[in-house]
Protein backbone atom coordinates (compact mmCIF):
# COMPACT_ATOMS: atom_id res chain seq x y z
CA MET A 1 1.26 34.05 -38.49
CA PHE A 2 0.31 31.29 -36.04
CA GLY A 3 -1.28 27.91 -36.60
CA LYS A 4 -4.04 26.43 -34.46
CA ASP A 5 -1.50 24.77 -32.20
CA GLY A 6 0.07 28.18 -31.35
CA GLY A 7 3.29 27.50 -33.25
CA ALA A 8 4.57 29.57 -36.14
CA VAL A 9 3.24 28.62 -39.56
CA GLN A 10 5.91 27.45 -41.98
CA ARG A 11 5.89 27.74 -45.76
CA THR A 12 6.01 24.56 -47.77
CA GLU A 13 7.44 24.12 -51.22
CA ARG A 14 5.91 21.82 -53.83
CA SER A 15 7.79 18.92 -52.30
CA HIS A 16 5.75 19.50 -49.11
CA THR A 17 8.91 19.87 -47.07
CA PRO A 18 8.44 22.57 -44.41
CA ILE A 19 10.93 25.43 -44.56
CA ALA A 20 11.12 28.34 -42.16
CA GLU A 21 9.86 31.67 -43.50
CA ALA A 22 12.80 34.01 -44.14
CA PRO A 23 12.95 36.91 -41.68
CA MET A 24 12.66 40.59 -42.56
CA SER A 25 15.34 42.91 -41.23
CA ILE A 26 14.69 46.65 -41.04
CA ILE A 27 17.29 49.41 -40.81
CA SER A 28 15.01 52.29 -39.92
CA SER A 29 15.36 55.98 -40.73
CA GLY A 30 17.90 57.67 -38.48
CA MET A 31 19.79 54.41 -37.90
CA ARG A 32 23.39 54.02 -39.09
CA ILE A 33 25.14 50.66 -39.45
CA THR A 34 28.92 50.56 -39.83
CA GLY A 35 30.11 47.25 -41.24
CA ASP A 36 28.96 44.65 -43.73
CA LEU A 37 25.53 43.00 -43.46
CA ASP A 38 25.23 39.35 -44.47
CA CYS A 39 21.71 38.09 -44.07
CA ALA A 40 19.01 35.89 -45.56
CA GLY A 41 15.46 36.92 -46.32
CA VAL A 42 14.38 40.50 -46.91
CA VAL A 43 16.34 43.60 -45.87
CA LYS A 44 14.58 46.99 -45.80
CA VAL A 45 16.98 49.92 -45.48
CA ASP A 46 15.61 53.37 -44.69
CA GLY A 47 18.72 54.43 -42.75
CA HIS A 48 22.41 54.35 -43.70
CA VAL A 49 24.72 51.36 -44.11
CA ASP A 50 28.45 52.04 -44.32
CA GLY A 51 29.38 48.63 -45.71
CA SER A 52 28.09 46.01 -48.11
CA VAL A 53 24.72 44.23 -47.96
CA THR A 54 25.02 40.62 -49.15
CA GLY A 55 23.28 37.28 -49.12
CA ALA A 56 19.69 38.56 -49.00
CA ARG A 57 16.85 37.23 -51.09
CA GLN A 58 15.58 40.80 -51.48
CA VAL A 59 17.01 44.23 -50.61
CA LEU A 60 14.66 47.23 -50.46
CA LEU A 61 16.38 50.62 -50.19
CA GLY A 62 13.97 53.43 -49.34
CA ARG A 63 14.13 57.02 -50.60
CA GLY A 64 15.99 58.30 -47.57
CA GLY A 65 18.24 55.24 -47.36
CA ALA A 66 21.86 54.95 -48.43
CA VAL A 67 24.34 52.11 -48.80
CA HIS A 68 28.03 53.00 -49.03
CA GLY A 69 29.19 49.59 -50.26
CA ASN A 70 28.08 46.83 -52.60
CA VAL A 71 24.56 45.36 -52.70
CA ILE A 72 24.33 41.68 -53.64
CA ALA A 73 20.96 39.89 -53.61
CA ASP A 74 18.53 37.97 -55.76
CA GLU A 75 16.16 40.94 -56.12
CA VAL A 76 16.99 44.60 -55.43
CA VAL A 77 14.69 47.65 -55.35
CA ILE A 78 16.48 51.01 -55.00
CA GLY A 79 14.83 54.29 -54.06
CA GLY A 80 17.83 55.91 -52.33
CA VAL A 81 21.58 56.16 -52.92
CA VAL A 82 24.06 53.32 -53.50
CA ASP A 83 27.75 54.24 -53.56
CA GLY A 84 29.02 50.88 -54.76
CA GLY A 85 28.21 48.10 -57.15
CA ILE A 86 24.95 46.16 -57.39
CA VAL A 87 24.63 42.48 -58.29
CA ALA A 88 20.98 41.43 -58.64
CA ALA A 89 20.84 37.76 -59.68
CA GLU A 90 17.22 38.00 -60.82
CA ARG A 91 15.85 41.54 -60.94
CA LEU A 92 16.82 45.16 -60.24
CA GLU A 93 14.35 48.04 -60.01
CA LEU A 94 15.57 51.64 -59.86
CA GLN A 95 12.82 53.98 -58.73
CA GLY A 96 12.69 57.62 -59.83
CA THR A 97 14.61 58.77 -56.73
CA ALA A 98 17.44 56.22 -57.09
CA VAL A 99 21.09 57.14 -57.53
CA VAL A 100 23.65 54.41 -58.21
CA ASN A 101 27.34 55.36 -58.21
CA GLY A 102 28.85 52.05 -59.30
CA ASP A 103 28.55 49.20 -61.76
CA ILE A 104 25.46 47.01 -62.07
CA GLU A 105 25.18 43.31 -62.97
CA THR A 106 21.69 41.86 -63.33
CA LYS A 107 19.50 39.51 -65.30
CA SER A 108 16.56 41.96 -65.55
CA ILE A 109 16.36 45.72 -64.92
CA VAL A 110 13.58 48.29 -64.60
CA VAL A 111 14.64 51.96 -64.58
CA LEU A 112 11.98 54.54 -63.82
CA GLU A 113 12.22 58.11 -65.09
CA GLY A 114 14.47 60.21 -62.88
CA ALA A 115 16.76 57.39 -61.71
CA ARG A 116 20.49 58.00 -62.18
CA ILE A 117 23.20 55.45 -62.94
CA ASN A 118 26.85 56.49 -62.81
CA GLY A 119 28.52 53.26 -63.88
CA VAL A 120 28.38 50.35 -66.29
CA VAL A 121 25.32 48.10 -66.63
CA ARG A 122 25.95 44.45 -67.56
CA MET A 123 23.04 42.10 -68.23
CA SER A 124 23.39 38.33 -68.38
CA ASP A 125 21.46 35.18 -67.53
CA ALA A 126 24.50 33.81 -65.66
CA ILE A 127 24.73 36.41 -62.88
CA ALA A 128 24.43 33.82 -60.07
CA ALA A 129 27.91 32.48 -60.90
CA SER A 130 29.51 35.72 -59.74
CA ARG A 131 27.81 35.72 -56.32
CA PRO A 132 29.72 34.93 -53.12
CA GLY A 133 30.13 31.25 -52.39
CA HIS A 134 30.81 30.45 -56.03
CA PRO A 135 34.29 29.88 -57.48
CA GLU A 136 34.22 32.85 -59.84
CA PRO A 137 35.15 36.12 -58.04
CA LEU A 138 32.79 39.07 -57.84
CA ARG A 139 33.78 41.71 -60.38
CA ILE A 140 32.47 45.09 -59.29
CA ALA A 141 34.41 48.22 -60.07
CA THR A 142 33.35 51.27 -58.11
CA SER A 143 34.40 54.85 -58.41
CA ALA A 144 35.88 56.25 -55.22
């Protein structure tokens, strides 16, 4: 929270270089976003996003949440509905209430009983190469 001098505390990596703590963005229940979200840090979605969610370190989609677009992040936890592809560079968790209508690319996946996947699952250690900002294009096929 706050240091003794009243300023915000910053995380430090092993190199002891201060870096700002990544913010958390919340799309609350009853809220609807139309358009793509490109953000850093953690994104918690309990509402609806009509567009893609990209660039986040972590995306958390609650039970009542829905994304009608692609989800691209390092770590993704899905409890709601995704109508689009998912690229999770490190880890994807599909909770028992999750529904994914699109293809998935990830390094590691956890699927709890009751989760539904309507698409192709590809697993590889080289997922980061297909993320935005890299020369190789993103390959996500979604069913319309």
